[in-house]
Amino acid sequence: KQTFPWFGMDIGGTLVKLVYFEPKDI
């Protein structure tokens, strides 16, 4: 399993989009 934090990024020509998974079962 990947350690936290969990991110994914899409770096576009105009805009950067970032998704972040926030664990709620710590």
PDB file of all heavy atoms in Angstrom:
ATOM      1  N   LYS A   1       0.842  -1.182   0.000  1.00  0.00           N
ATOM      2  CA  LYS A   1       0.000   0.000   0.000  1.00  0.00           C
ATOM      3  C   LYS A   1       0.878   1.233   0.000  1.00  0.00           C
ATOM      4  O   LYS A   1       1.906   1.277   0.664  1.00  0.00           O
ATOM      5  CB  LYS A   1      -0.925   0.011   1.224  1.00  0.00           C
ATOM      6  CG  LYS A   1      -2.035  -1.017   1.148  1.00  0.00           C
ATOM      7  CD  LYS A   1      -3.034  -0.830   2.265  1.00  0.00           C
ATOM      8  CE  LYS A   1      -4.174  -1.833   2.143  1.00  0.00           C
ATOM      9  NZ  LYS A   1      -5.175  -1.665   3.206  1.00  0.00           N
ATOM     10  N   GLN A   2       0.434   2.241  -0.731  1.00  0.00           N
ATOM     11  CA  GLN A   2       1.164   3.500  -0.758  1.00  0.00           C
ATOM     12  C   GLN A   2       0.981   4.234   0.564  1.00  0.00           C
ATOM     13  O   GLN A   2      -0.104   4.237   1.144  1.00  0.00           O
ATOM     14  CB  GLN A   2       0.674   4.372  -1.913  1.00  0.00           C
ATOM     15  CG  GLN A   2       1.262   4.008  -3.251  1.00  0.00           C
ATOM     16  CD  GLN A   2       2.743   4.357  -3.345  1.00  0.00           C
ATOM     17  OE1 GLN A   2       3.265   5.132  -2.562  1.00  0.00           O
ATOM     18  NE2 GLN A   2       3.413   3.759  -4.307  1.00  0.00           N
ATOM     19  N   THR A   3       2.044   4.852   1.019  1.00  0.00           N
ATOM     20  CA  THR A   3       1.950   5.662   2.234  1.00  0.00           C
ATOM     21  C   THR A   3       1.296   6.996   1.893  1.00  0.00           C
ATOM     22  O   THR A   3       1.348   7.455   0.759  1.00  0.00           O
ATOM     23  CB  THR A   3       3.355   5.907   2.828  1.00  0.00           C
ATOM     24  OG1 THR A   3       4.200   6.462   1.802  1.00  0.00           O
ATOM     25  CG2 THR A   3       3.965   4.619   3.329  1.00  0.00           C
ATOM     26  N   PHE A   4       0.677   7.605   2.899  1.00  0.00           N
ATOM     27  CA  PHE A   4       0.063   8.920   2.697  1.00  0.00           C
ATOM     28  C   PHE A   4       1.158   9.981   2.610  1.00  0.00           C
ATOM     29  O   PHE A   4       2.248   9.788   3.129  1.00  0.00           O
ATOM     30  CB  PHE A   4      -0.887   9.220   3.863  1.00  0.00           C
ATOM     31  CG  PHE A   4      -2.109   8.334   3.895  1.00  0.00           C
ATOM     32  CD1 PHE A   4      -2.373   7.545   5.008  1.00  0.00           C
ATOM     33  CD2 PHE A   4      -2.984   8.289   2.824  1.00  0.00           C
ATOM     34  CE1 PHE A   4      -3.502   6.725   5.051  1.00  0.00           C
ATOM     35  CE2 PHE A   4      -4.110   7.475   2.851  1.00  0.00           C
ATOM     36  CZ  PHE A   4      -4.361   6.693   3.966  1.00  0.00           C
ATOM     37  N   PRO A   5       0.852  11.121   1.960  1.00  0.00           N
ATOM     38  CA  PRO A   5      -0.416  11.542   1.360  1.00  0.00           C
ATOM     39  C   PRO A   5      -0.599  11.006  -0.051  1.00  0.00           C
ATOM     40  O   PRO A   5       0.372  10.703  -0.731  1.00  0.00           O
ATOM     41  CB  PRO A   5      -0.290  13.071   1.360  1.00  0.00           C
ATOM     42  CG  PRO A   5       1.170  13.321   1.198  1.00  0.00           C
ATOM     43  CD  PRO A   5       1.864  12.211   1.949  1.00  0.00           C
ATOM     44  N   TRP A   6      -1.866  10.923  -0.482  1.00  0.00           N
ATOM     45  CA  TRP A   6      -2.193  10.421  -1.809  1.00  0.00           C
ATOM     46  C   TRP A   6      -2.641  11.570  -2.700  1.00  0.00           C
ATOM     47  O   TRP A   6      -3.671  12.205  -2.443  1.00  0.00           O
ATOM     48  CB  TRP A   6      -3.316   9.382  -1.731  1.00  0.00           C
ATOM     49  CG  TRP A   6      -2.922   8.120  -1.026  1.00  0.00           C
ATOM     50  CD1 TRP A   6      -1.675   7.729  -0.639  1.00  0.00           C
ATOM     51  CD2 TRP A   6      -3.798   7.058  -0.622  1.00  0.00           C
ATOM     52  NE1 TRP A   6      -1.715   6.500  -0.022  1.00  0.00           N
ATOM     53  CE2 TRP A   6      -3.003   6.063   0.009  1.00  0.00           C
ATOM     54  CE3 TRP A   6      -5.171   6.848  -0.723  1.00  0.00           C
ATOM     55  CZ2 TRP A   6      -3.547   4.888   0.524  1.00  0.00           C
ATOM     56  CZ3 TRP A   6      -5.723   5.691  -0.213  1.00  0.00           C
ATOM     57  CH2 TRP A   6      -4.908   4.708   0.399  1.00  0.00           C
ATOM     58  N   PHE A   7      -1.868  11.820  -3.759  1.00  0.00           N
ATOM     59  CA  PHE A   7      -2.161  12.889  -4.710  1.00  0.00           C
ATOM     60  C   PHE A   7      -2.169  12.352  -6.139  1.00  0.00           C
ATOM     61  O   PHE A   7      -1.494  11.381  -6.453  1.00  0.00           O
ATOM     62  CB  PHE A   7      -1.066  13.973  -4.668  1.00  0.00           C
ATOM     63  CG  PHE A   7      -1.073  14.841  -3.450  1.00  0.00           C
ATOM     64  CD1 PHE A   7      -0.131  14.659  -2.449  1.00  0.00           C
ATOM     65  CD2 PHE A   7      -1.994  15.867  -3.312  1.00  0.00           C
ATOM     66  CE1 PHE A   7      -0.114  15.469  -1.336  1.00  0.00           C
ATOM     67  CE2 PHE A   7      -1.983  16.685  -2.194  1.00  0.00           C
ATOM     68  CZ  PHE A   7      -1.043  16.487  -1.197  1.00  0.00           C
ATOM     69  N   GLY A   8      -2.883  13.043  -7.001  1.00  0.00           N
ATOM     70  CA  GLY A   8      -2.766  12.868  -8.442  1.00  0.00           C
ATOM     71  C   GLY A   8      -2.805  14.251  -9.064  1.00  0.00           C
ATOM     72  O   GLY A   8      -3.583  15.105  -8.625  1.00  0.00           O
ATOM     73  N   MET A   9      -1.973  14.488 -10.088  1.00  0.00           N
ATOM     74  CA  MET A   9      -1.892  15.812 -10.698  1.00  0.00           C
ATOM     75  C   MET A   9      -2.064  15.751 -12.208  1.00  0.00           C
ATOM     76  O   MET A   9      -1.587  14.820 -12.855  1.00  0.00           O
ATOM     77  CB  MET A   9      -0.531  16.460 -10.409  1.00  0.00           C
ATOM     78  CG  MET A   9      -0.307  16.895  -9.003  1.00  0.00           C
ATOM     79  SD  MET A   9       1.308  17.735  -8.854  1.00  0.00           S
ATOM     80  CE  MET A   9       0.894  19.307  -9.625  1.00  0.00           C
ATOM     81  N   ASP A  10      -2.727  16.756 -12.739  1.00  0.00           N
ATOM     82  CA  ASP A  10      -2.823  16.962 -14.181  1.00  0.00           C
ATOM     83  C   ASP A  10      -2.355  18.389 -14.450  1.00  0.00           C
ATOM     84  O   ASP A  10      -3.045  19.347 -14.101  1.00  0.00           O
ATOM     85  CB  ASP A  10      -4.264  16.755 -14.647  1.00  0.00           C
ATOM     86  CG  ASP A  10      -4.433  16.948 -16.155  1.00  0.00           C
ATOM     87  OD1 ASP A  10      -3.423  17.219 -16.843  1.00  0.00           O
ATOM     88  OD2 ASP A  10      -5.573  16.833 -16.643  1.00  0.00           O
ATOM     89  N   ILE A  11      -1.167  18.529 -15.037  1.00  0.00           N
ATOM     90  CA  ILE A  11      -0.567  19.847 -15.232  1.00  0.00           C
ATOM     91  C   ILE A  11      -0.832  20.283 -16.667  1.00  0.00           C
ATOM     92  O   ILE A  11      -0.131  19.887 -17.599  1.00  0.00           O
ATOM     93  CB  ILE A  11       0.947  19.817 -14.937  1.00  0.00           C
ATOM     94  CG1 ILE A  11       1.210  19.139 -13.583  1.00  0.00           C
ATOM     95  CG2 ILE A  11       1.515  21.226 -14.941  1.00  0.00           C
ATOM     96  CD1 ILE A  11       2.687  18.899 -13.293  1.00  0.00           C
ATOM     97  N   GLY A  12      -1.873  21.080 -16.850  1.00  0.00           N
ATOM     98  CA  GLY A  12      -2.263  21.519 -18.180  1.00  0.00           C
ATOM     99  C   GLY A  12      -1.558  22.800 -18.595  1.00  0.00           C
ATOM    100  O   GLY A  12      -0.791  23.395 -17.830  1.00  0.00           O
ATOM    101  N   GLY A  13      -1.858  23.241 -19.807  1.00  0.00           N
ATOM    102  CA  GLY A  13      -1.238  24.456 -20.317  1.00  0.00           C
ATOM    103  C   GLY A  13      -1.736  25.709 -19.627  1.00  0.00           C
ATOM    104  O   GLY A  13      -1.020  26.706 -19.529  1.00  0.00           O
ATOM    105  N   THR A  14      -2.970  25.672 -19.134  1.00  0.00           N
ATOM    106  CA  THR A  14      -3.576  26.835 -18.484  1.00  0.00           C
ATOM    107  C   THR A  14      -3.807  26.601 -17.000  1.00  0.00           C
ATOM    108  O   THR A  14      -3.618  27.503 -16.179  1.00  0.00           O
ATOM    109  CB  THR A  14      -4.935  27.163 -19.153  1.00  0.00           C
ATOM    110  OG1 THR A  14      -4.743  27.322 -20.547  1.00  0.00           O
ATOM    111  CG2 THR A  14      -5.532  28.432 -18.576  1.00  0.00           C
ATOM    112  N   LEU A  15      -4.221  25.374 -16.653  1.00  0.00           N
ATOM    113  CA  LEU A  15      -4.652  25.084 -15.291  1.00  0.00           C
ATOM    114  C   LEU A  15      -4.031  23.787 -14.781  1.00  0.00           C
ATOM    115  O   LEU A  15      -3.876  22.830 -15.534  1.00  0.00           O
ATOM    116  CB  LEU A  15      -6.181  24.951 -15.283  1.00  0.00           C
ATOM    117  CG  LEU A  15      -6.968  25.287 -14.018  1.00  0.00           C
ATOM    118  CD1 LEU A  15      -6.743  26.731 -13.584  1.00  0.00           C
ATOM    119  CD2 LEU A  15      -8.449  25.046 -14.252  1.00  0.00           C
ATOM    120  N   VAL A  16      -3.671  23.794 -13.503  1.00  0.00           N
ATOM    121  CA  VAL A  16      -3.207  22.579 -12.831  1.00  0.00           C
ATOM    122  C   VAL A  16      -4.364  22.034 -12.005  1.00  0.00           C
ATOM    123  O   VAL A  16      -5.006  22.769 -11.249  1.00  0.00           O
ATOM    124  CB  VAL A  16      -2.005  22.867 -11.907  1.00  0.00           C
ATOM    125  CG1 VAL A  16      -1.574  21.590 -11.173  1.00  0.00           C
ATOM    126  CG2 VAL A  16      -0.844  23.437 -12.700  1.00  0.00           C
ATOM    127  N   LYS A  17      -4.640  20.744 -12.179  1.00  0.00           N
ATOM    128  CA  LYS A  17      -5.695  20.096 -11.411  1.00  0.00           C
ATOM    129  C   LYS A  17      -5.058  19.084 -10.460  1.00  0.00           C
ATOM    130  O   LYS A  17      -4.226  18.287 -10.895  1.00  0.00           O
ATOM    131  CB  LYS A  17      -6.685  19.381 -12.330  1.00  0.00           C
ATOM    132  CG  LYS A  17      -7.624  20.303 -13.101  1.00  0.00           C
ATOM    133  CD  LYS A  17      -6.982  21.011 -14.260  1.00  0.00           C
ATOM    134  CE  LYS A  17      -6.589  20.062 -15.371  1.00  0.00           C
ATOM    135  NZ  LYS A  17      -5.941  20.795 -16.509  1.00  0.00           N
ATOM    136  N   LEU A  18      -5.453  19.148  -9.205  1.00  0.00           N
ATOM    137  CA  LEU A  18      -4.872  18.301  -8.170  1.00  0.00           C
ATOM    138  C   LEU A  18      -5.992  17.603  -7.416  1.00  0.00           C
ATOM    139  O   LEU A  18      -6.973  18.243  -7.019  1.00  0.00           O
ATOM    140  CB  LEU A  18      -4.054  19.177  -7.205  1.00  0.00           C
ATOM    141  CG  LEU A  18      -3.370  18.513  -6.019  1.00  0.00           C
ATOM    142  CD1 LEU A  18      -2.132  17.758  -6.469  1.00  0.00           C
ATOM    143  CD2 LEU A  18      -2.974  19.564  -4.990  1.00  0.00           C
ATOM    144  N   VAL A  19      -5.893  16.280  -7.249  1.00  0.00           N
ATOM    145  CA  VAL A  19      -6.844  15.583  -6.388  1.00  0.00           C
ATOM    146  C   VAL A  19      -6.087  15.034  -5.182  1.00  0.00           C
ATOM    147  O   VAL A  19      -4.958  14.565  -5.298  1.00  0.00           O
ATOM    148  CB  VAL A  19      -7.611  14.458  -7.118  1.00  0.00           C
ATOM    149  CG1 VAL A  19      -8.491  15.021  -8.218  1.00  0.00           C
ATOM    150  CG2 VAL A  19      -6.681  13.408  -7.681  1.00  0.00           C
ATOM    151  N   TYR A  20      -6.725  15.137  -4.024  1.00  0.00           N
ATOM    152  CA  TYR A  20      -6.106  14.711  -2.765  1.00  0.00           C
ATOM    153  C   TYR A  20      -7.085  13.844  -2.000  1.00  0.00           C
ATOM    154  O   TYR A  20      -8.236  14.236  -1.773  1.00  0.00           O
ATOM    155  CB  TYR A  20      -5.714  15.933  -1.935  1.00  0.00           C
ATOM    156  CG  TYR A  20      -5.382  15.610  -0.496  1.00  0.00           C
ATOM    157  CD1 TYR A  20      -4.255  14.852  -0.180  1.00  0.00           C
ATOM    158  CD2 TYR A  20      -6.196  16.044   0.548  1.00  0.00           C
ATOM    159  CE1 TYR A  20      -3.956  14.545   1.135  1.00  0.00           C
ATOM    160  CE2 TYR A  20      -5.903  15.739   1.867  1.00  0.00           C
ATOM    161  CZ  TYR A  20      -4.785  14.990   2.154  1.00  0.00           C
ATOM    162  OH  TYR A  20      -4.497  14.673   3.467  1.00  0.00           O
ATOM    163  N   PHE A  21      -6.630  12.650  -1.606  1.00  0.00           N
ATOM    164  CA  PHE A  21      -7.458  11.746  -0.809  1.00  0.00           C
ATOM    165  C   PHE A  21      -7.190  11.996   0.667  1.00  0.00           C
ATOM    166  O   PHE A  21      -6.066  11.843   1.142  1.00  0.00           O
ATOM    167  CB  PHE A  21      -7.160  10.289  -1.153  1.00  0.00           C
ATOM    168  CG  PHE A  21      -7.999   9.299  -0.381  1.00  0.00           C
ATOM    169  CD1 PHE A  21      -9.293   8.995  -0.796  1.00  0.00           C
ATOM    170  CD2 PHE A  21      -7.513   8.691   0.766  1.00  0.00           C
ATOM    171  CE1 PHE A  21     -10.070   8.086  -0.085  1.00  0.00           C
ATOM    172  CE2 PHE A  21      -8.278   7.790   1.480  1.00  0.00           C
ATOM    173  CZ  PHE A  21      -9.570   7.481   1.059  1.00  0.00           C
ATOM    174  N   GLU A  22      -8.248  12.380   1.395  1.00  0.00           N
ATOM    175  CA  GLU A  22      -8.149  12.628   2.834  1.00  0.00           C
ATOM    176  C   GLU A  22      -8.677  11.402   3.587  1.00  0.00           C
ATOM    177  O   GLU A  22      -9.878  11.134   3.569  1.00  0.00           O
ATOM    178  CB  GLU A  22      -8.982  13.856   3.210  1.00  0.00           C
ATOM    179  CG  GLU A  22      -9.045  14.111   4.706  1.00  0.00           C
ATOM    180  CD  GLU A  22     -10.213  14.995   5.110  1.00  0.00           C
ATOM    181  OE1 GLU A  22     -11.072  15.292   4.245  1.00  0.00           O
ATOM    182  OE2 GLU A  22     -10.277  15.373   6.296  1.00  0.00           O
ATOM    183  N   PRO A  23      -7.815  10.638   4.245  1.00  0.00           N
ATOM    184  CA  PRO A  23      -8.299   9.460   4.984  1.00  0.00           C
ATOM    185  C   PRO A  23      -9.138   9.886   6.184  1.00  0.00           C
ATOM    186  O   PRO A  23      -8.779  10.806   6.910  1.00  0.00           O
ATOM    187  CB  PRO A  23      -7.010   8.770   5.428  1.00  0.00           C
ATOM    188  CG  PRO A  23      -5.993   9.860   5.470  1.00  0.00           C
ATOM    189  CD  PRO A  23      -6.360  10.838   4.400  1.00  0.00           C
ATOM    190  N   LYS A  24     -10.273   9.201   6.374  1.00  0.00           N
ATOM    191  CA  LYS A  24     -11.149   9.508   7.510  1.00  0.00           C
ATOM    192  C   LYS A  24     -11.213   8.341   8.496  1.00  0.00           C
ATOM    193  O   LYS A  24     -11.987   8.376   9.448  1.00  0.00           O
ATOM    194  CB  LYS A  24     -12.563   9.819   7.012  1.00  0.00           C
ATOM    195  CG  LYS A  24     -12.644  10.986   6.036  1.00  0.00           C
ATOM    196  CD  LYS A  24     -12.254  12.307   6.653  1.00  0.00           C
ATOM    197  CE  LYS A  24     -13.352  12.867   7.520  1.00  0.00           C
ATOM    198  NZ  LYS A  24     -13.026  14.216   8.015  1.00  0.00           N
ATOM    199  N   ASP A  25     -10.410   7.300   8.244  1.00  0.00           N
ATOM    200  CA  ASP A  25     -10.444   6.113   9.114  1.00  0.00           C
ATOM    201  C   ASP A  25      -9.103   5.902   9.826  1.00  0.00           C
ATOM    202  O   ASP A  25      -8.709   4.773  10.103  1.00  0.00           O
ATOM    203  CB  ASP A  25     -10.806   4.871   8.289  1.00  0.00           C
ATOM    204  CG  ASP A  25      -9.808   4.612   7.152  1.00  0.00           C
ATOM    205  OD1 ASP A  25      -8.921   5.460   6.926  1.00  0.00           O
ATOM    206  OD2 ASP A  25      -9.921   3.558   6.493  1.00  0.00           O
ATOM    207  N   ILE A  26      -8.405   6.997  10.119  1.00  0.00           N
ATOM    208  CA  ILE A  26      -7.099   6.902  10.774  1.00  0.00           C
ATOM    209  C   ILE A  26      -7.270   6.401  12.205  1.00  0.00           C
ATOM    210  O   ILE A  26      -8.070   6.945  12.978  1.00  0.00           O
ATOM    211  CB  ILE A  26      -6.386   8.271  10.779  1.00  0.00           C
ATOM    212  CG1 ILE A  26      -6.110   8.715   9.338  1.00  0.00           C
ATOM    213  CG2 ILE A  26      -5.087   8.222  11.559  1.00  0.00           C
ATOM    214  CD1 ILE A  26      -5.524  10.100   9.218  1.00  0.00           C
TER     215      ILE A  26
END
